Protein backbone atom coordinates (compact mmCIF):
# COMPACT_ATOMS: atom_id res chain seq x y z
CA MET A 1 -110.49 25.31 -32.49
CA GLN A 2 -107.83 22.94 -33.80
CA HIS A 3 -104.95 22.59 -31.29
CA LYS A 4 -101.42 21.79 -32.99
CA TYR A 5 -99.83 19.79 -30.21
CA THR A 6 -96.09 18.62 -30.25
CA PHE A 7 -94.93 15.30 -28.72
CA VAL A 8 -91.24 15.26 -27.44
CA PRO A 9 -89.62 13.16 -24.73
CA MET A 10 -89.66 13.94 -21.70
CA THR A 11 -86.52 15.72 -20.61
CA ARG A 12 -85.21 17.92 -17.17
CA GLU A 13 -86.48 20.82 -19.27
CA TYR A 14 -89.65 20.52 -18.30
CA LEU A 15 -89.53 19.66 -15.15
CA GLU A 16 -90.20 22.43 -13.59
CA PRO A 17 -93.24 23.44 -15.68
CA ALA A 18 -94.50 19.86 -14.76
CA THR A 19 -94.23 20.09 -11.55
CA GLU A 20 -96.12 22.76 -11.16
CA LEU A 21 -99.15 20.84 -13.32
CA PHE A 22 -99.21 18.39 -11.00
CA ILE A 23 -99.18 20.64 -8.00
CA ALA A 24 -102.41 22.45 -9.64
CA ASN A 25 -103.78 18.86 -10.04
CA TYR A 26 -103.36 17.94 -6.04
CA LYS A 27 -104.91 20.94 -4.91
CA HIS A 28 -107.88 20.27 -6.75
CA GLU A 29 -108.13 17.13 -5.00
CA GLN A 30 -106.99 18.83 -1.52
CA GLU A 31 -110.35 20.69 -1.85
CA LYS A 32 -112.00 17.56 -2.15
CA SER A 33 -109.95 15.34 0.33
CA PRO A 34 -108.83 17.96 2.83
CA LEU A 35 -106.76 15.33 4.76
CA LEU A 36 -104.24 15.66 2.31
CA PRO A 37 -101.24 17.15 3.53
CA SER A 38 -99.28 20.44 1.98
CA ARG A 39 -96.22 18.67 1.76
CA VAL A 40 -96.32 18.78 -2.04
CA ILE A 41 -97.13 22.50 -2.01
CA ALA A 42 -94.26 23.45 0.46
CA GLU A 43 -91.63 21.29 -1.36
CA PRO A 44 -92.01 21.54 -4.81
CA GLU A 45 -88.69 20.38 -5.13
CA TRP A 46 -89.88 16.62 -3.70
CA ILE A 47 -92.03 16.05 -6.59
CA CYS A 48 -89.46 17.49 -9.03
CA ASP A 49 -86.51 15.01 -7.49
CA ALA A 50 -89.54 12.29 -7.65
CA LEU A 51 -90.13 12.86 -11.25
CA GLU A 52 -85.94 13.64 -12.46
CA ALA A 53 -85.67 10.35 -11.14
CA ARG A 54 -87.82 8.39 -13.58
CA LEU A 55 -86.30 10.57 -16.44
CA ALA A 56 -84.47 7.28 -18.13
CA ASN A 57 -87.73 5.47 -18.56
CA PRO A 58 -89.76 5.86 -21.53
CA GLY A 59 -92.13 9.66 -21.24
CA VAL A 60 -93.29 12.06 -22.56
CA ALA A 61 -94.41 15.91 -22.74
CA VAL A 62 -97.24 17.63 -25.13
CA VAL A 63 -96.22 21.49 -25.75
CA GLU A 64 -98.09 23.95 -27.86
CA HIS A 65 -96.46 27.60 -28.23
CA ASN A 66 -93.58 26.53 -26.27
CA GLU A 67 -96.17 25.71 -23.31
CA LEU A 68 -96.37 22.49 -21.19
CA LEU A 69 -99.94 21.20 -21.69
CA ALA A 70 -99.62 17.43 -20.52
CA TYR A 71 -96.54 15.42 -19.35
CA MET A 72 -96.70 11.29 -18.89
CA VAL A 73 -93.48 9.29 -17.51
CA THR A 74 -93.11 5.58 -17.22
CA GLY A 75 -92.81 4.79 -13.58
CA TYR A 76 -92.06 1.12 -12.79
CA GLN A 77 -91.59 -1.48 -14.71
CA PHE A 78 -91.54 -5.02 -12.65
CA PRO A 79 -93.17 -9.08 -13.46
CA TRP A 80 -96.85 -9.75 -11.91
CA LYS A 81 -99.24 -12.14 -12.81
CA GLY A 82 -97.57 -13.71 -15.04
CA GLN A 83 -96.43 -10.88 -17.16
CA GLN A 84 -94.38 -8.08 -17.81
CA ALA A 85 -96.41 -4.81 -15.73
CA VAL A 86 -95.51 -0.85 -16.05
CA LEU A 87 -97.09 1.49 -13.48
CA VAL A 88 -97.66 4.99 -13.77
CA PRO A 89 -97.65 6.35 -10.21
CA GLU A 90 -99.73 9.58 -9.63
CA TYR A 91 -96.99 12.36 -9.63
CA CYS A 92 -95.23 10.62 -12.94
CA HIS A 93 -98.46 12.13 -15.06
CA SER A 94 -100.71 15.66 -15.33
CA ALA A 95 -102.09 17.94 -17.68
CA ILE A 96 -103.86 20.74 -17.94
CA ASP A 97 -107.93 20.68 -17.15
CA GLU A 98 -108.70 21.98 -20.99
CA GLN A 99 -108.42 19.58 -23.20
CA LYS A 100 -107.65 16.73 -19.85
CA ARG A 101 -109.50 13.76 -22.15
CA GLU A 102 -107.85 14.30 -25.54
CA LEU A 103 -104.28 15.27 -24.34
CA TYR A 104 -104.26 11.45 -21.81
CA GLN A 105 -105.63 10.03 -25.03
CA ARG A 106 -103.11 11.17 -26.92
CA MET A 107 -100.41 10.79 -24.35
CA TYR A 108 -101.55 7.25 -23.60
CA MET A 109 -101.56 5.80 -27.41
CA HIS A 110 -97.91 7.32 -27.34
CA LEU A 111 -96.56 5.43 -24.62
CA SER A 112 -98.36 2.74 -24.60
CA GLN A 113 -97.04 1.74 -27.89
CA GLU A 114 -93.93 1.70 -26.48
CA TRP A 115 -94.20 -0.68 -23.64
CA VAL A 116 -95.96 -2.89 -25.83
CA ASN A 117 -92.61 -2.54 -28.53
CA SER A 118 -90.98 -3.94 -24.95
CA HIS A 119 -93.31 -6.80 -24.08
CA ILE A 120 -95.11 -4.87 -21.57
CA HIS A 121 -98.75 -5.86 -22.04
CA LEU A 122 -99.70 -5.40 -17.92
CA GLN A 123 -100.20 -1.08 -17.39
CA MET A 124 -101.31 0.10 -14.54
CA ILE A 125 -101.50 3.66 -13.84
CA GLY A 126 -102.45 5.78 -10.55
CA TYR A 127 -104.65 8.90 -10.23
CA PHE A 128 -106.77 11.29 -8.05
CA ALA A 129 -109.73 9.69 -6.69
CA HIS A 130 -112.06 13.16 -8.00
CA ASP A 131 -110.40 13.55 -11.22
CA THR A 132 -113.83 12.25 -12.90
CA ILE A 133 -112.67 13.29 -16.24
CA LEU A 134 -109.06 11.61 -16.50
CA GLN A 135 -111.14 8.34 -14.71
CA GLU A 136 -114.00 8.58 -17.23
CA THR A 137 -110.86 8.83 -20.23
CA LEU A 138 -109.17 5.67 -18.44
CA TYR A 139 -112.22 3.76 -18.36
CA GLN A 140 -112.88 4.47 -22.50
CA LEU A 141 -109.28 3.17 -22.92
CA GLY A 142 -109.90 0.29 -21.06
CA TYR A 143 -108.43 0.40 -17.89
CA GLY A 144 -110.66 -0.88 -15.07
CA ALA A 145 -110.20 -0.76 -10.91
CA ILE A 146 -107.63 -2.81 -8.78
CA LEU A 147 -106.59 -0.83 -5.96
CA ALA A 148 -107.57 2.73 -3.92
CA GLU A 149 -105.63 4.35 -1.02
CA GLN A 150 -107.61 5.87 1.32
CA LEU A 151 -107.54 8.56 4.44
CA ARG A 152 -109.46 9.13 7.70
CA ASP A 153 -108.59 11.32 10.60
CA CYS A 154 -107.64 10.54 14.21
CA SER A 155 -111.08 10.90 15.26
CA ALA A 156 -112.59 8.13 17.15
CA VAL A 157 -114.71 5.56 15.27
CA ASN A 158 -118.57 6.02 15.64
CA LYS A 159 -119.94 3.44 18.36
CA PRO A 160 -117.22 1.16 18.80
CA HIS A 161 -118.03 -2.16 20.28
CA GLU A 162 -116.94 -2.99 23.61
CA VAL A 163 -114.70 -5.98 22.21
CA ALA A 164 -111.11 -6.85 24.10
CA ILE A 165 -108.12 -6.08 21.72
CA GLN A 166 -104.85 -7.25 22.76
CA GLU A 167 -101.26 -5.71 21.84
CA GLU A 168 -99.31 -8.45 20.49
CA GLN A 169 -95.05 -8.40 20.68
CA ASP A 170 -95.14 -12.29 19.63
CA VAL A 171 -95.78 -12.70 15.98
CA SER A 172 -95.50 -16.01 15.83
CA LYS A 173 -98.54 -16.34 17.12
CA LEU A 174 -99.98 -14.30 14.34
CA LEU A 175 -98.48 -17.00 11.33
CA LYS A 176 -101.39 -19.13 10.94
CA ILE A 177 -103.90 -16.40 10.75
CA GLN A 178 -101.88 -14.56 8.13
CA ILE A 179 -101.44 -17.61 6.00
CA GLU A 180 -104.95 -18.02 6.12
CA HIS A 181 -105.13 -14.20 5.07
CA ASN A 182 -102.91 -14.65 2.01
CA ASP A 183 -104.91 -17.49 1.11
CA TYR A 184 -107.71 -15.62 1.30
CA TYR A 185 -106.66 -13.36 -1.97
CA SER A 186 -106.20 -16.12 -4.01
CA LYS A 187 -109.73 -16.75 -3.97
CA ALA A 188 -112.81 -15.07 -6.11
CA PRO A 189 -113.22 -12.30 -6.56
CA ILE A 190 -109.93 -11.19 -6.13
CA PHE A 191 -107.13 -13.84 -7.64
CA ILE A 192 -103.90 -12.39 -6.55
CA LEU A 193 -101.24 -14.83 -5.08
CA LYS A 194 -99.59 -13.91 -2.18
CA PRO A 195 -96.93 -15.84 -0.40
CA THR A 196 -98.30 -18.90 1.67
CA SER A 197 -95.59 -20.90 2.77
CA PRO A 198 -94.56 -20.79 6.40
CA GLY A 199 -91.32 -19.39 5.93
CA ASP A 200 -92.03 -16.29 3.94
CA VAL A 201 -94.70 -15.49 5.83
CA LEU A 202 -93.23 -15.52 9.22
CA ASP A 203 -90.25 -13.15 7.30
CA ASP A 204 -92.60 -10.92 6.40
CA LEU A 205 -94.52 -10.90 10.04
CA GLU A 206 -91.23 -10.21 11.34
CA ALA A 207 -89.72 -7.41 8.92
CA HIS A 208 -93.41 -5.51 10.06
CA ALA A 209 -92.03 -5.64 13.81
CA ARG A 210 -88.39 -4.77 12.61
CA GLN A 211 -90.02 -1.56 11.35
CA GLY A 212 -92.02 -0.70 14.62
CA ASP A 213 -95.29 -1.65 13.58
CA VAL A 214 -97.87 -2.72 15.78
CA PHE A 215 -99.77 -5.96 15.99
CA PHE A 216 -103.53 -5.16 17.14
CA VAL A 217 -105.34 -8.73 17.96
CA TYR A 218 -108.25 -10.23 18.92
CA TYR A 219 -108.65 -13.68 20.74
CA GLU A 220 -111.19 -16.12 21.03
CA GLN A 221 -110.19 -19.08 23.63
CA GLU A 222 -106.38 -17.94 23.08
CA GLU A 223 -107.01 -18.15 19.59
CA PRO A 224 -106.19 -15.00 16.78
CA CYS A 225 -109.12 -14.43 15.32
CA ALA A 226 -108.43 -11.16 13.40
CA TYR A 227 -105.72 -8.37 13.55
CA MET A 228 -104.65 -5.02 12.45
CA ILE A 229 -101.11 -4.34 11.88
CA VAL A 230 -100.43 -0.69 11.95
CA GLY A 231 -97.13 2.10 11.72
CA ASN A 232 -95.60 4.44 10.45
CA SER A 233 -96.17 5.32 6.63
CA THR A 234 -92.55 4.29 5.18
CA ILE A 235 -93.44 1.87 2.44
CA ASP A 236 -92.00 2.64 -0.97
CA GLY A 237 -95.21 2.88 -3.44
CA GLU A 238 -97.78 2.75 -1.00
CA GLY A 239 -98.86 6.12 0.62
CA PHE A 240 -95.79 8.58 -1.64
CA LEU A 241 -97.44 11.25 -1.37
CA LEU A 242 -97.96 10.82 2.54
CA GLN A 243 -94.61 10.07 3.22
CA ASN A 244 -92.96 12.42 5.90
CA THR A 245 -96.39 14.05 6.70
CA ARG A 246 -97.09 12.30 9.93
CA THR A 247 -99.00 9.68 8.58
CA ALA A 248 -100.14 6.33 9.78
CA GLN A 249 -100.63 3.34 7.98
CA ILE A 250 -102.88 0.19 7.97
CA LYS A 251 -100.36 -2.39 6.80
CA SER A 252 -102.26 -5.31 7.01
CA ALA A 253 -105.93 -6.11 8.81
CA TYR A 254 -108.02 -9.61 8.76
CA ALA A 255 -110.69 -10.97 10.36
CA ARG A 256 -112.06 -14.34 9.78
CA GLN A 257 -115.39 -15.03 8.15
CA ASP A 258 -117.35 -16.08 10.69
CA ILE A 259 -116.70 -13.04 12.84
CA ARG A 260 -117.61 -10.17 10.09
CA SER A 261 -120.01 -8.20 10.90
CA LYS A 262 -119.87 -8.10 14.81
CA GLY A 263 -117.71 -5.11 15.79
CA ILE A 264 -114.68 -6.54 15.97
CA GLY A 265 -112.83 -4.28 12.86
CA LYS A 266 -113.82 -0.87 14.53
CA ALA A 267 -112.58 -2.47 18.19
CA LEU A 268 -109.31 -2.66 15.95
CA LEU A 269 -109.23 0.31 14.08
CA GLN A 270 -110.12 2.40 17.46
CA ARG A 271 -107.13 0.82 18.95
CA ALA A 272 -105.30 1.73 16.00
CA ILE A 273 -106.86 5.35 15.95
CA GLU A 274 -105.25 5.94 19.65
CA TRP A 275 -102.09 4.24 18.95
CA SER A 276 -102.08 6.85 16.30
CA GLN A 277 -102.85 9.67 18.13
CA ALA A 278 -100.80 8.97 20.88
CA HIS A 279 -97.91 8.59 18.98
CA GLY A 280 -98.61 12.48 17.12
CA TYR A 281 -100.20 11.55 13.60
CA GLU A 282 -102.33 13.44 12.28
CA ARG A 283 -104.13 10.90 9.79
CA ILE A 284 -103.96 7.08 8.85
CA PHE A 285 -103.93 5.25 5.35
CA VAL A 286 -105.17 2.31 3.35
CA GLU A 287 -104.45 0.74 0.53
CA HIS A 288 -106.89 -2.30 -0.50
CA GLU A 289 -107.49 -4.06 -3.69
CA THR A 290 -110.70 -2.89 -4.74
CA ALA A 291 -111.87 -6.53 -6.04
CA ASN A 292 -111.90 -7.42 -2.05
CA PHE A 293 -115.51 -7.46 -1.23
CA SER A 294 -115.86 -7.87 2.43
CA GLY A 295 -112.41 -5.29 3.35
CA SER A 296 -113.78 -2.57 0.87
CA ILE A 297 -117.30 -2.30 2.49
CA PHE A 298 -115.22 -1.87 5.93
CA TRP A 299 -112.93 0.33 4.56
CA GLN A 300 -115.34 2.61 2.57
CA LYS A 301 -117.34 3.01 5.67
CA HIS A 302 -114.22 4.48 7.89
CA PHE A 303 -111.91 6.23 4.78
CA ASN A 304 -112.07 8.52 2.37
CA PRO A 305 -109.97 7.57 -1.22
CA TYR A 306 -107.84 9.60 -2.36
CA ILE A 307 -106.01 8.18 -5.09
CA TYR A 308 -107.27 5.11 -7.47
CA PHE A 309 -105.21 2.55 -9.64
CA SER A 310 -106.48 1.71 -12.86
CA MET A 311 -105.33 -1.34 -14.49
CA ARG A 312 -105.19 -2.67 -18.48
CA TYR A 313 -104.31 -6.16 -20.15
CA ILE A 314 -102.96 -5.72 -23.41
CA ASP A 315 -102.91 -9.08 -25.41
CA ASN A 316 -99.88 -10.76 -24.85
CA THR A 317 -99.67 -12.38 -28.54
CA ILE A 318 -99.41 -8.40 -30.38
């Protein structure tokens, strides 16, 4: 059967059916990722408002016989990696299961041309980890993985090592290791630049402290060798679907290479779990770069993915 889709701009009249489409797909992911909270389902106006706030950006709706089949809206535009970038977060797109592959291909054809016309050549999209059809469709369109968001409950880590972990109040003691951590991202295979000047790094640490985040640290000979920062999930853009849902976030973590695979990470995670339990959190999430080889191995042992972000480069001479 040949379908006659109509492509129209995404406008307010499609907000309600778009929200329903997204919630239906969220429920599918929740079946695979039961730790996902039900706020999206209980408060559809939350997603509707978030979508409405993006309607001024380029967006497309796919309609057939007055029924909304799919939608995609540009979320954020910003400079990154030396060029203009665009992000379509997970709530800014959805489609019916039937013809999902074709619907996404057609929506991407429409919007990607608009982005390139606006000199945006770095294109990212967030999507549910268990949506294998969409994952394969994006792969065929030239997308590759960049980020993962993962969840775990607050149960204890299996056989945590007996390692002395301190809660550090003086963030200046972490300045050296945080600089080392940020510099680590600029090397293979990650290649992401993060600030390494002492002033910028200290500002970031102090910002965590002002937010009430907690710093757990492993010391050797009074020198911090590994740390984990945990706090309430409040950062805009990270863990959007978990906001205001009694979810804690691991916001930063690092262990020097010579102490990895010795149980230090497990001990730090156990302290983060204990802190989360004591403060009434139901789950913990972490966002990490998929190219972070060492980090990804650790997070995959203790967490389960629910969101992936993929990215495509377009020739910027076009």
